[in-house]
Amino acid sequence: MNNDELQLKRAANSALLSLLNLTALPVIAFILLAFLYKKTQPDSIDRYYVMVGIKTNVMAAIALFFVTALMVLLGGFDSPWTWVYVISYFVFVHALFILFATWTLVRSWTGKKLTKSFLSE
C-alpha cells in the first residue's frame, strides 16, 4: 500500500471514528481518534480529517453539556420541560452533527477536503 492509499484509508477511518463517537461508541471512538492523530503527518489529508473529526466531536460535547446544564438550571430532572430540551436537542442538534459526520465520511472517501466549512483548517 503506497503513501496516498494509506492517507486515504486513515482519512476514512478518522471520519468513521467521528461518526461512531456521535452514535455508538462515544468515548472509545474519540480516544481512537486521538491515537490516529499521532500517526498522521502535518499538511496531509488524513491529518485534515482527524482534525475535522476532533473539532466536530468537541463541539457536539459542548452542545451536550450546554443542554444538560440548561435542563438542570431551568427545571431539574423532574420538570416536564426536561423532555422538551432532550428531544429538541437530539432531533435538531445531534442529528445535524451526525449528518455532518456522515458528509465528512463520504468526502473522505474521495480524498477531497470540505468546501466552505467553518471546521476546516
Protein backbone atom coordinates (compact mmCIF):
# COMPACT_ATOMS: atom_id res chain seq x y z
CA MET A 1 0.00 0.00 0.00
CA ASN A 2 1.53 3.29 -1.04
CA ASN A 3 1.51 6.50 0.99
CA ASP A 4 -1.53 8.06 -0.73
CA GLU A 5 -3.67 4.98 -0.20
CA LEU A 6 -2.62 4.84 3.45
CA GLN A 7 -3.56 8.50 3.93
CA LEU A 8 -6.96 7.99 2.30
CA LYS A 9 -7.58 4.94 4.48
CA ARG A 10 -6.67 6.90 7.61
CA ALA A 11 -8.85 9.81 6.48
CA ALA A 12 -11.82 7.47 6.03
CA ASN A 13 -11.10 5.78 9.36
CA SER A 14 -10.96 9.12 11.16
CA ALA A 15 -14.27 10.22 9.64
CA LEU A 16 -15.78 6.86 10.61
CA LEU A 17 -14.47 7.19 14.18
CA SER A 18 -16.00 10.65 14.36
CA LEU A 19 -19.36 9.23 13.30
CA LEU A 20 -19.03 6.34 15.74
CA ASN A 21 -18.25 8.76 18.55
CA LEU A 22 -21.51 10.56 17.86
CA THR A 23 -23.59 7.38 17.63
CA ALA A 24 -22.45 4.03 19.03
CA LEU A 25 -19.10 4.33 20.86
CA PRO A 26 -18.98 7.79 22.44
CA VAL A 27 -15.70 7.87 24.37
CA ILE A 28 -13.89 4.89 22.90
CA ALA A 29 -14.05 6.23 19.34
CA PHE A 30 -12.76 9.64 20.46
CA ILE A 31 -9.76 8.03 22.16
CA LEU A 32 -9.05 6.04 18.99
CA LEU A 33 -9.36 9.28 17.02
CA ALA A 34 -6.75 10.87 19.28
CA PHE A 35 -4.42 7.90 18.73
CA LEU A 36 -4.96 8.19 14.99
CA TYR A 37 -3.91 11.84 15.20
CA LYS A 38 -0.47 10.76 16.40
CA LYS A 39 0.02 8.62 13.28
CA THR A 40 -0.66 11.43 10.81
CA GLN A 41 1.72 13.93 9.26
CA PRO A 42 1.11 17.70 9.15
CA ASP A 43 -0.49 19.09 5.97
CA SER A 44 -1.87 15.72 4.87
CA ILE A 45 -5.40 14.65 4.05
CA ASP A 46 -5.56 12.23 6.97
CA ARG A 47 -4.50 14.93 9.47
CA TYR A 48 -7.16 17.20 7.98
CA TYR A 49 -9.96 14.68 8.56
CA VAL A 50 -8.70 13.77 12.02
CA MET A 51 -8.82 17.44 12.98
CA VAL A 52 -12.29 17.90 11.48
CA GLY A 53 -13.47 14.85 13.44
CA ILE A 54 -11.97 16.09 16.70
CA LYS A 55 -13.45 19.57 16.24
CA THR A 56 -16.85 18.14 15.38
CA ASN A 57 -16.93 15.90 18.42
CA VAL A 58 -15.69 18.61 20.78
CA MET A 59 -18.43 20.92 19.53
CA ALA A 60 -21.00 18.14 19.99
CA ALA A 61 -19.77 17.59 23.55
CA ILE A 62 -20.04 21.31 24.30
CA ALA A 63 -23.59 21.35 22.93
CA LEU A 64 -24.50 18.29 25.02
CA PHE A 65 -23.07 19.85 28.20
CA PHE A 66 -24.90 23.09 27.45
CA VAL A 67 -28.25 21.31 27.08
CA THR A 68 -27.60 19.30 30.25
CA ALA A 69 -26.78 22.48 32.18
CA LEU A 70 -29.89 24.10 30.74
CA MET A 71 -32.01 21.18 31.94
CA VAL A 72 -30.59 21.34 35.45
CA LEU A 73 -30.77 25.12 35.77
CA LEU A 74 -34.23 25.62 34.28
CA GLY A 75 -36.18 22.89 35.96
CA GLY A 76 -34.19 19.92 37.05
CA PHE A 77 -34.85 16.37 36.02
CA ASP A 78 -38.37 16.34 37.50
CA SER A 79 -39.69 19.06 35.22
CA PRO A 80 -41.74 18.15 32.14
CA TRP A 81 -39.65 20.71 30.23
CA THR A 82 -36.69 18.38 30.57
CA TRP A 83 -38.15 16.14 27.88
CA VAL A 84 -38.67 19.15 25.62
CA TYR A 85 -34.97 20.02 25.89
CA VAL A 86 -33.79 16.44 25.45
CA ILE A 87 -35.99 15.62 22.47
CA SER A 88 -35.33 19.00 20.80
CA TYR A 89 -31.59 18.57 21.24
CA PHE A 90 -31.49 15.08 19.78
CA VAL A 91 -33.85 15.82 16.91
CA PHE A 92 -32.26 19.06 15.80
CA VAL A 93 -28.72 19.50 17.10
CA HIS A 94 -27.38 15.97 17.49
CA ALA A 95 -28.93 14.89 14.20
CA LEU A 96 -27.07 17.74 12.46
CA PHE A 97 -23.78 16.60 13.97
CA ILE A 98 -24.45 13.05 12.73
CA LEU A 99 -25.37 14.36 9.28
CA PHE A 100 -22.18 16.44 9.15
CA ALA A 101 -20.06 13.45 10.24
CA THR A 102 -21.68 11.32 7.53
CA TRP A 103 -20.95 14.01 4.97
CA THR A 104 -17.29 14.16 6.03
CA LEU A 105 -17.09 10.37 5.75
CA VAL A 106 -18.31 10.49 2.15
CA ARG A 107 -15.93 13.36 1.33
CA SER A 108 -13.01 11.48 2.89
CA TRP A 109 -13.63 8.56 0.54
CA THR A 110 -12.98 10.90 -2.39
CA GLY A 111 -9.82 12.31 -0.84
CA LYS A 112 -11.06 15.88 -1.13
CA LYS A 113 -11.28 18.46 1.62
CA LEU A 114 -14.54 20.04 2.69
CA THR A 115 -15.54 23.25 0.98
CA LYS A 116 -16.75 26.28 2.91
CA SER A 117 -16.62 24.61 6.29
CA PHE A 118 -16.08 26.54 9.49
CA LEU A 119 -14.36 23.44 10.85
CA SER A 120 -11.73 23.41 8.13
CA GLU A 121 -8.17 24.34 8.90
